């Protein structure tokens, strides 16, 4: 997972998730231990063992943040990744 930019206070992310056994069924992210926000794969469907994701945060104030990204597969297995990033003043 990586931060691909910050524009007008919104951080943009790219991530991939995969399962060796069954297809992925869900993905979500949380900022600074906040509410989980669901995201969908870039192709719009959870139909494969590996999926790519592009998503953005809500408008953020300048400061440091931790984003946790998680995916779940059809067997109930969950994987997570995190990234620390900073939003600077424009």
PDB file of N, CA and C in Angstrom:
ATOM      1  N   UNK A   1       0.846  -1.165   0.000  1.00  0.00           N
ATOM      2  CA  UNK A   1       0.000   0.000   0.000  1.00  0.00           C
ATOM      3  C   UNK A   1       0.888   1.223   0.000  1.00  0.00           C
ATOM      4  N   UNK A   2       0.421   2.268  -0.705  1.00  0.00           N
ATOM      5  CA  UNK A   2       1.214   3.487  -0.725  1.00  0.00           C
ATOM      6  C   UNK A   2       0.322   4.708  -0.894  1.00  0.00           C
ATOM      7  N   UNK A   3       0.838   5.839  -0.426  1.00  0.00           N
ATOM      8  CA  UNK A   3       0.204   7.129  -0.637  1.00  0.00           C
ATOM      9  C   UNK A   3       0.701   7.623  -1.992  1.00  0.00           C
ATOM     10  N   UNK A   4      -0.206   7.961  -2.887  1.00  0.00           N
ATOM     11  CA  UNK A   4       0.214   8.414  -4.216  1.00  0.00           C
ATOM     12  C   UNK A   4       0.114   9.930  -4.367  1.00  0.00           C
ATOM     13  N   UNK A   5      -0.378  10.609  -3.334  1.00  0.00           N
ATOM     14  CA  UNK A   5      -0.418  12.062  -3.369  1.00  0.00           C
ATOM     15  C   UNK A   5      -1.431  12.622  -2.394  1.00  0.00           C
ATOM     16  N   UNK A   6      -1.321  13.923  -2.173  1.00  0.00           N
ATOM     17  CA  UNK A   6      -2.280  14.651  -1.345  1.00  0.00           C
ATOM     18  C   UNK A   6      -2.681  15.880  -2.148  1.00  0.00           C
ATOM     19  N   UNK A   7      -3.986  16.019  -2.394  1.00  0.00           N
ATOM     20  CA  UNK A   7      -4.489  17.134  -3.178  1.00  0.00           C
ATOM     21  C   UNK A   7      -5.669  17.755  -2.443  1.00  0.00           C
ATOM     22  N   UNK A   8      -5.563  19.058  -2.157  1.00  0.00           N
ATOM     23  CA  UNK A   8      -6.609  19.793  -1.439  1.00  0.00           C
ATOM     24  C   UNK A   8      -6.984  19.097  -0.128  1.00  0.00           C
ATOM     25  N   UNK A   9      -5.979  18.577   0.572  1.00  0.00           N
ATOM     26  CA  UNK A   9      -6.186  17.942   1.869  1.00  0.00           C
ATOM     27  C   UNK A   9      -6.664  16.508   1.814  1.00  0.00           C
ATOM     28  N   UNK A  10      -6.905  15.962   0.627  1.00  0.00           N
ATOM     29  CA  UNK A  10      -7.346  14.574   0.484  1.00  0.00           C
ATOM     30  C   UNK A  10      -6.158  13.701   0.077  1.00  0.00           C
ATOM     31  N   UNK A  11      -5.877  12.705   0.887  1.00  0.00           N
ATOM     32  CA  UNK A  11      -4.792  11.774   0.578  1.00  0.00           C
ATOM     33  C   UNK A  11      -5.320  10.690  -0.357  1.00  0.00           C
ATOM     34  N   UNK A  12      -4.530  10.356  -1.381  1.00  0.00           N
ATOM     35  CA  UNK A  12      -4.905   9.321  -2.340  1.00  0.00           C
ATOM     36  C   UNK A  12      -3.995   8.115  -2.151  1.00  0.00           C
ATOM     37  N   UNK A  13      -4.593   6.924  -2.208  1.00  0.00           N
ATOM     38  CA  UNK A  13      -3.887   5.683  -1.916  1.00  0.00           C
ATOM     39  C   UNK A  13      -4.073   4.658  -3.026  1.00  0.00           C
ATOM     40  N   UNK A  14      -3.087   3.776  -3.156  1.00  0.00           N
ATOM     41  CA  UNK A  14      -3.188   2.589  -3.998  1.00  0.00           C
ATOM     42  C   UNK A  14      -2.782   1.398  -3.143  1.00  0.00           C
ATOM     43  N   UNK A  15      -3.521   0.308  -3.297  1.00  0.00           N
ATOM     44  CA  UNK A  15      -3.228  -0.895  -2.518  1.00  0.00           C
ATOM     45  C   UNK A  15      -3.601  -2.131  -3.325  1.00  0.00           C
ATOM     46  N   UNK A  16      -3.017  -3.250  -2.958  1.00  0.00           N
ATOM     47  CA  UNK A  16      -3.400  -4.539  -3.519  1.00  0.00           C
ATOM     48  C   UNK A  16      -3.632  -5.505  -2.363  1.00  0.00           C
ATOM     49  N   UNK A  17      -4.485  -6.448  -2.603  1.00  0.00           N
ATOM     50  CA  UNK A  17      -4.743  -7.488  -1.618  1.00  0.00           C
ATOM     51  C   UNK A  17      -4.845  -8.812  -2.337  1.00  0.00           C
ATOM     52  N   UNK A  18      -4.474  -9.888  -1.663  1.00  0.00           N
ATOM     53  CA  UNK A  18      -4.564 -11.200  -2.298  1.00  0.00           C
ATOM     54  C   UNK A  18      -4.756 -12.301  -1.265  1.00  0.00           C
ATOM     55  N   UNK A  19      -5.303 -13.395  -1.742  1.00  0.00           N
ATOM     56  CA  UNK A  19      -5.489 -14.601  -0.949  1.00  0.00           C
ATOM     57  C   UNK A  19      -5.008 -15.768  -1.803  1.00  0.00           C
ATOM     58  N   UNK A  20      -4.274 -16.678  -1.211  1.00  0.00           N
ATOM     59  CA  UNK A  20      -3.773 -17.823  -1.958  1.00  0.00           C
ATOM     60  C   UNK A  20      -4.813 -18.887  -2.232  1.00  0.00           C
ATOM     61  N   UNK A  21      -5.929 -18.849  -1.511  1.00  0.00           N
ATOM     62  CA  UNK A  21      -6.893 -19.947  -1.604  1.00  0.00           C
ATOM     63  C   UNK A  21      -8.222 -19.582  -2.248  1.00  0.00           C
ATOM     64  N   UNK A  22      -8.826 -18.481  -1.825  1.00  0.00           N
ATOM     65  CA  UNK A  22     -10.172 -18.120  -2.291  1.00  0.00           C
ATOM     66  C   UNK A  22     -10.225 -16.632  -2.633  1.00  0.00           C
ATOM     67  N   UNK A  23     -11.320 -16.212  -3.260  1.00  0.00           N
ATOM     68  CA  UNK A  23     -11.428 -14.822  -3.692  1.00  0.00           C
ATOM     69  C   UNK A  23     -11.591 -13.875  -2.508  1.00  0.00           C
ATOM     70  N   UNK A  24     -11.210 -12.635  -2.718  1.00  0.00           N
ATOM     71  CA  UNK A  24     -11.435 -11.595  -1.715  1.00  0.00           C
ATOM     72  C   UNK A  24     -12.907 -11.217  -1.715  1.00  0.00           C
ATOM     73  N   UNK A  25     -13.403 -10.814  -0.545  1.00  0.00           N
ATOM     74  CA  UNK A  25     -14.823 -10.464  -0.440  1.00  0.00           C
ATOM     75  C   UNK A  25     -15.062  -9.080   0.158  1.00  0.00           C
ATOM     76  N   UNK A  26     -14.055  -8.459   0.767  1.00  0.00           N
ATOM     77  CA  UNK A  26     -14.263  -7.155   1.390  1.00  0.00           C
ATOM     78  C   UNK A  26     -12.934  -6.441   1.569  1.00  0.00           C
ATOM     79  N   UNK A  27     -13.011  -5.105   1.595  1.00  0.00           N
ATOM     80  CA  UNK A  27     -11.842  -4.280   1.887  1.00  0.00           C
ATOM     81  C   UNK A  27     -12.323  -2.991   2.539  1.00  0.00           C
ATOM     82  N   UNK A  28     -11.512  -2.456   3.446  1.00  0.00           N
ATOM     83  CA  UNK A  28     -11.870  -1.214   4.131  1.00  0.00           C
ATOM     84  C   UNK A  28     -10.616  -0.559   4.685  1.00  0.00           C
ATOM     85  N   UNK A  29     -10.762   0.717   5.079  1.00  0.00           N
ATOM     86  CA  UNK A  29      -9.648   1.426   5.698  1.00  0.00           C
ATOM     87  C   UNK A  29     -10.158   2.266   6.848  1.00  0.00           C
ATOM     88  N   UNK A  30      -9.226   2.587   7.767  1.00  0.00           N
ATOM     89  CA  UNK A  30      -9.533   3.462   8.906  1.00  0.00           C
ATOM     90  C   UNK A  30      -8.366   4.421   9.088  1.00  0.00           C
ATOM     91  N   UNK A  31      -8.685   5.670   9.373  1.00  0.00           N
ATOM     92  CA  UNK A  31      -7.673   6.687   9.647  1.00  0.00           C
ATOM     93  C   UNK A  31      -7.606   6.946  11.137  1.00  0.00           C
ATOM     94  N   UNK A  32      -6.409   6.882  11.702  1.00  0.00           N
ATOM     95  CA  UNK A  32      -6.187   7.182  13.127  1.00  0.00           C
ATOM     96  C   UNK A  32      -7.187   6.472  14.033  1.00  0.00           C
ATOM     97  N   UNK A  33      -7.388   5.197  13.805  1.00  0.00           N
ATOM     98  CA  UNK A  33      -8.285   4.352  14.617  1.00  0.00           C
ATOM     99  C   UNK A  33      -9.735   4.802  14.568  1.00  0.00           C
ATOM    100  N   UNK A  34     -10.110   5.467  13.484  1.00  0.00           N
ATOM    101  CA  UNK A  34     -11.493   5.933  13.332  1.00  0.00           C
ATOM    102  C   UNK A  34     -12.389   4.877  12.715  1.00  0.00           C
ATOM    103  N   UNK A  35     -13.499   5.337  12.199  1.00  0.00           N
ATOM    104  CA  UNK A  35     -14.515   4.483  11.590  1.00  0.00           C
ATOM    105  C   UNK A  35     -13.967   3.803  10.328  1.00  0.00           C
ATOM    106  N   UNK A  36     -14.314   2.529  10.150  1.00  0.00           N
ATOM    107  CA  UNK A  36     -13.908   1.781   8.955  1.00  0.00           C
ATOM    108  C   UNK A  36     -14.759   2.226   7.770  1.00  0.00           C
ATOM    109  N   UNK A  37     -14.088   2.454   6.648  1.00  0.00           N
ATOM    110  CA  UNK A  37     -14.746   2.883   5.412  1.00  0.00           C
ATOM    111  C   UNK A  37     -14.532   1.793   4.364  1.00  0.00           C
ATOM    112  N   UNK A  38     -15.614   1.266   3.804  1.00  0.00           N
ATOM    113  CA  UNK A  38     -15.518   0.214   2.795  1.00  0.00           C
ATOM    114  C   UNK A  38     -15.005   0.778   1.472  1.00  0.00           C
ATOM    115  N   UNK A  39     -14.207  -0.016   0.763  1.00  0.00           N
ATOM    116  CA  UNK A  39     -13.733   0.332  -0.574  1.00  0.00           C
ATOM    117  C   UNK A  39     -13.964  -0.862  -1.492  1.00  0.00           C
ATOM    118  N   UNK A  40     -14.059  -0.570  -2.794  1.00  0.00           N
ATOM    119  CA  UNK A  40     -14.248  -1.629  -3.780  1.00  0.00           C
ATOM    120  C   UNK A  40     -13.014  -1.692  -4.681  1.00  0.00           C
ATOM    121  N   UNK A  41     -12.781  -2.838  -5.307  1.00  0.00           N
ATOM    122  CA  UNK A  41     -11.645  -2.957  -6.221  1.00  0.00           C
ATOM    123  C   UNK A  41     -11.771  -1.980  -7.395  1.00  0.00           C
ATOM    124  N   UNK A  42     -10.651  -1.719  -8.054  1.00  0.00           N
ATOM    125  CA  UNK A  42     -10.663  -0.789  -9.182  1.00  0.00           C
ATOM    126  C   UNK A  42     -11.554  -1.281 -10.316  1.00  0.00           C
ATOM    127  N   UNK A  43     -11.739  -2.598 -10.444  1.00  0.00           N
ATOM    128  CA  UNK A  43     -12.628  -3.111 -11.499  1.00  0.00           C
ATOM    129  C   UNK A  43     -14.078  -3.184 -11.054  1.00  0.00           C
ATOM    130  N   UNK A  44     -14.361  -2.804  -9.802  1.00  0.00           N
ATOM    131  CA  UNK A  44     -15.733  -2.746  -9.301  1.00  0.00           C
ATOM    132  C   UNK A  44     -16.290  -4.041  -8.743  1.00  0.00           C
ATOM    133  N   UNK A  45     -15.553  -5.141  -8.843  1.00  0.00           N
ATOM    134  CA  UNK A  45     -16.062  -6.442  -8.383  1.00  0.00           C
ATOM    135  C   UNK A  45     -15.038  -7.187  -7.535  1.00  0.00           C
ATOM    136  N   UNK A  46     -15.529  -7.818  -6.471  1.00  0.00           N
ATOM    137  CA  UNK A  46     -14.717  -8.767  -5.712  1.00  0.00           C
ATOM    138  C   UNK A  46     -14.910 -10.131  -6.378  1.00  0.00           C
ATOM    139  N   UNK A  47     -14.078 -10.431  -7.376  1.00  0.00           N
ATOM    140  CA  UNK A  47     -14.262 -11.662  -8.137  1.00  0.00           C
ATOM    141  C   UNK A  47     -12.960 -12.426  -8.376  1.00  0.00           C
ATOM    142  N   UNK A  48     -11.910 -12.086  -7.607  1.00  0.00           N
ATOM    143  CA  UNK A  48     -10.620 -12.733  -7.841  1.00  0.00           C
ATOM    144  C   UNK A  48      -9.864 -12.923  -6.524  1.00  0.00           C
ATOM    145  N   UNK A  49      -8.828 -13.739  -6.575  1.00  0.00           N
ATOM    146  CA  UNK A  49      -7.965 -13.960  -5.412  1.00  0.00           C
ATOM    147  C   UNK A  49      -7.039 -12.785  -5.155  1.00  0.00           C
ATOM    148  N   UNK A  50      -6.850 -11.920  -6.171  1.00  0.00           N
ATOM    149  CA  UNK A  50      -6.027 -10.714  -6.027  1.00  0.00           C
ATOM    150  C   UNK A  50      -6.792  -9.532  -6.613  1.00  0.00           C
ATOM    151  N   UNK A  51      -6.792  -8.420  -5.900  1.00  0.00           N
ATOM    152  CA  UNK A  51      -7.502  -7.223  -6.345  1.00  0.00           C
ATOM    153  C   UNK A  51      -6.634  -5.992  -6.109  1.00  0.00           C
ATOM    154  N   UNK A  52      -6.844  -4.986  -6.943  1.00  0.00           N
ATOM    155  CA  UNK A  52      -6.193  -3.681  -6.784  1.00  0.00           C
ATOM    156  C   UNK A  52      -7.231  -2.665  -6.327  1.00  0.00           C
ATOM    157  N   UNK A  53      -6.770  -1.697  -5.543  1.00  0.00           N
ATOM    158  CA  UNK A  53      -7.668  -0.690  -4.989  1.00  0.00           C
ATOM    159  C   UNK A  53      -7.067   0.698  -5.155  1.00  0.00           C
ATOM    160  N   UNK A  54      -7.912   1.684  -5.432  1.00  0.00           N
ATOM    161  CA  UNK A  54      -7.554   3.102  -5.413  1.00  0.00           C
ATOM    162  C   UNK A  54      -8.649   3.808  -4.644  1.00  0.00           C
ATOM    163  N   UNK A  55      -8.263   4.606  -3.657  1.00  0.00           N
ATOM    164  CA  UNK A  55      -9.261   5.305  -2.855  1.00  0.00           C
ATOM    165  C   UNK A  55      -8.629   6.553  -2.250  1.00  0.00           C
ATOM    166  N   UNK A  56      -9.475   7.417  -1.696  1.00  0.00           N
ATOM    167  CA  UNK A  56      -8.966   8.636  -1.083  1.00  0.00           C
ATOM    168  C   UNK A  56      -9.655   8.893   0.238  1.00  0.00           C
ATOM    169  N   UNK A  57      -8.997   9.693   1.054  1.00  0.00           N
ATOM    170  CA  UNK A  57      -9.532  10.059   2.366  1.00  0.00           C
ATOM    171  C   UNK A  57     -10.498  11.220   2.204  1.00  0.00           C
ATOM    172  N   UNK A  58     -11.167  11.512   3.280  1.00  0.00           N
ATOM    173  CA  UNK A  58     -11.931  12.759   3.353  1.00  0.00           C
ATOM    174  C   UNK A  58     -10.928  13.904   3.460  1.00  0.00           C
ATOM    175  N   UNK A  59     -11.391  15.121   3.428  1.00  0.00           N
ATOM    176  CA  UNK A  59     -10.503  16.275   3.571  1.00  0.00           C
ATOM    177  C   UNK A  59      -9.887  16.271   4.971  1.00  0.00           C
ATOM    178  N   UNK A  60      -8.574  16.397   5.041  1.00  0.00           N
ATOM    179  CA  UNK A  60      -7.840  16.292   6.300  1.00  0.00           C
ATOM    180  C   UNK A  60      -7.148  17.601   6.647  1.00  0.00           C
ATOM    181  N   UNK A  61      -7.040  17.868   7.923  1.00  0.00           N
ATOM    182  CA  UNK A  61      -6.279  19.009   8.411  1.00  0.00           C
ATOM    183  C   UNK A  61      -4.788  18.672   8.332  1.00  0.00           C
ATOM    184  N   UNK A  62      -3.921  19.682   8.265  1.00  0.00           N
ATOM    185  CA  UNK A  62      -2.486  19.404   8.286  1.00  0.00           C
ATOM    186  C   UNK A  62      -2.112  18.597   9.532  1.00  0.00           C
ATOM    187  N   UNK A  63      -1.216  17.639   9.360  1.00  0.00           N
ATOM    188  CA  UNK A  63      -0.774  16.802  10.477  1.00  0.00           C
ATOM    189  C   UNK A  63      -0.381  15.420  10.007  1.00  0.00           C
ATOM    190  N   UNK A  64      -0.044  14.559  10.963  1.00  0.00           N
ATOM    191  CA  UNK A  64       0.360  13.186  10.677  1.00  0.00           C
ATOM    192  C   UNK A  64      -0.810  12.243  10.900  1.00  0.00           C
ATOM    193  N   UNK A  65      -0.872  11.204  10.072  1.00  0.00           N
ATOM    194  CA  UNK A  65      -1.975  10.248  10.116  1.00  0.00           C
ATOM    195  C   UNK A  65      -1.446   8.834   9.936  1.00  0.00           C
ATOM    196  N   UNK A  66      -2.214   7.871  10.454  1.00  0.00           N
ATOM    197  CA  UNK A  66      -1.961   6.451  10.220  1.00  0.00           C
ATOM    198  C   UNK A  66      -3.196   5.877   9.546  1.00  0.00           C
ATOM    199  N   UNK A  67      -3.006   5.271   8.380  1.00  0.00           N
ATOM    200  CA  UNK A  67      -4.097   4.604   7.685  1.00  0.00           C
ATOM    201  C   UNK A  67      -3.865   3.107   7.771  1.00  0.00           C
ATOM    202  N   UNK A  68      -4.884   2.371   8.196  1.00  0.00           N
ATOM    203  CA  UNK A  68      -4.838   0.909   8.229  1.00  0.00           C
ATOM    204  C   UNK A  68      -5.800   0.407   7.157  1.00  0.00           C
ATOM    205  N   UNK A  69      -5.302  -0.472   6.300  1.00  0.00           N
ATOM    206  CA  UNK A  69      -6.078  -1.056   5.214  1.00  0.00           C
ATOM    207  C   UNK A  69      -6.232  -2.540   5.512  1.00  0.00           C
ATOM    208  N   UNK A  70      -7.446  -3.066   5.338  1.00  0.00           N
ATOM    209  CA  UNK A  70      -7.644  -4.502   5.585  1.00  0.00           C
ATOM    210  C   UNK A  70      -8.479  -5.121   4.467  1.00  0.00           C
ATOM    211  N   UNK A  71      -8.199  -6.377   4.182  1.00  0.00           N
ATOM    212  CA  UNK A  71      -8.977  -7.157   3.222  1.00  0.00           C
ATOM    213  C   UNK A  71      -9.393  -8.462   3.896  1.00  0.00           C
ATOM    214  N   UNK A  72     -10.498  -9.016   3.404  1.00  0.00           N
ATOM    215  CA  UNK A  72     -11.001 -10.286   3.935  1.00  0.00           C
ATOM    216  C   UNK A  72     -11.321 -11.187   2.741  1.00  0.00           C
ATOM    217  N   UNK A  73     -11.060 -12.475   2.891  1.00  0.00           N
ATOM    218  CA  UNK A  73     -11.380 -13.413   1.814  1.00  0.00           C
ATOM    219  C   UNK A  73     -12.620 -14.228   2.166  1.00  0.00           C
ATOM    220  N   UNK A  74     -13.052 -15.059   1.224  1.00  0.00           N
ATOM    221  CA  UNK A  74     -14.279 -15.841   1.387  1.00  0.00           C
ATOM    222  C   UNK A  74     -14.194 -16.863   2.520  1.00  0.00           C
ATOM    223  N   UNK A  75     -12.998 -17.212   2.958  1.00  0.00           N
ATOM    224  CA  UNK A  75     -12.829 -18.145   4.079  1.00  0.00           C
ATOM    225  C   UNK A  75     -12.801 -17.423   5.423  1.00  0.00           C
ATOM    226  N   UNK A  76     -12.902 -16.087   5.411  1.00  0.00           N
ATOM    227  CA  UNK A  76     -12.894 -15.318   6.651  1.00  0.00           C
ATOM    228  C   UNK A  76     -11.530 -14.860   7.106  1.00  0.00           C
ATOM    229  N   UNK A  77     -10.491 -15.150   6.341  1.00  0.00           N
ATOM    230  CA  UNK A  77      -9.144 -14.694   6.688  1.00  0.00           C
ATOM    231  C   UNK A  77      -9.028 -13.195   6.429  1.00  0.00           C
ATOM    232  N   UNK A  78      -8.300 -12.506   7.301  1.00  0.00           N
ATOM    233  CA  UNK A  78      -8.125 -11.063   7.186  1.00  0.00           C
ATOM    234  C   UNK A  78      -6.639 -10.730   7.126  1.00  0.00           C
ATOM    235  N   UNK A  79      -6.309  -9.777   6.248  1.00  0.00           N
ATOM    236  CA  UNK A  79      -4.944  -9.264   6.161  1.00  0.00           C
ATOM    237  C   UNK A  79      -4.978  -7.753   6.287  1.00  0.00           C
ATOM    238  N   UNK A  80      -3.926  -7.188   6.869  1.00  0.00           N
ATOM    239  CA  UNK A  80      -3.869  -5.739   7.048  1.00  0.00           C
ATOM    240  C   UNK A  80      -2.517  -5.188   6.618  1.00  0.00           C
ATOM    241  N   UNK A  81      -2.537  -3.898   6.326  1.00  0.00           N
ATOM    242  CA  UNK A  81      -1.317  -3.144   6.037  1.00  0.00           C
ATOM    243  C   UNK A  81      -1.554  -1.738   6.560  1.00  0.00           C
ATOM    244  N   UNK A  82      -0.475  -1.019   6.853  1.00  0.00           N
ATOM    245  CA  UNK A  82      -0.644   0.349   7.317  1.00  0.00           C
ATOM    246  C   UNK A  82       0.408   1.252   6.706  1.00  0.00           C
ATOM    247  N   UNK A  83       0.098   2.534   6.702  1.00  0.00           N
ATOM    248  CA  UNK A  83       1.038   3.537   6.199  1.00  0.00           C
ATOM    249  C   UNK A  83       0.864   4.808   7.038  1.00  0.00           C
ATOM    250  N   UNK A  84       1.977   5.438   7.340  1.00  0.00           N
ATOM    251  CA  UNK A  84       1.996   6.717   8.062  1.00  0.00           C
ATOM    252  C   UNK A  84       2.282   7.795   7.028  1.00  0.00           C
ATOM    253  N   UNK A  85       1.524   8.889   7.067  1.00  0.00           N
ATOM    254  CA  UNK A  85       1.728   9.968   6.108  1.00  0.00           C
ATOM    255  C   UNK A  85       1.414  11.308   6.771  1.00  0.00           C
ATOM    256  N   UNK A  86       1.846  12.380   6.114  1.00  0.00           N
ATOM    257  CA  UNK A  86       1.662  13.721   6.630  1.00  0.00           C
ATOM    258  C   UNK A  86       0.959  14.583   5.602  1.00  0.00           C
ATOM    259  N   UNK A  87      -0.028  15.344   6.060  1.00  0.00           N
ATOM    260  CA  UNK A  87      -0.682  16.336   5.225  1.00  0.00           C
ATOM    261  C   UNK A  87      -0.069  17.677   5.599  1.00  0.00           C
ATOM    262  N   UNK A  88       0.500  18.355   4.610  1.00  0.00           N
ATOM    263  CA  UNK A  88       1.139  19.651   4.845  1.00  0.00           C
ATOM    264  C   UNK A  88       0.197  20.788   4.485  1.00  0.00           C
ATOM    265  N   UNK A  89       0.478  21.945   5.032  1.00  0.00           N
ATOM    266  CA  UNK A  89      -0.294  23.138   4.672  1.00  0.00           C
ATOM    267  C   UNK A  89      -0.029  23.469   3.209  1.00  0.00           C
ATOM    268  N   UNK A  90      -1.083  23.925   2.525  1.00  0.00           N
ATOM    269  CA  UNK A  90      -0.922  24.320   1.116  1.00  0.00           C
ATOM    270  C   UNK A  90      -0.138  25.607   0.987  1.00  0.00           C
TER     271      UNK A  90
END
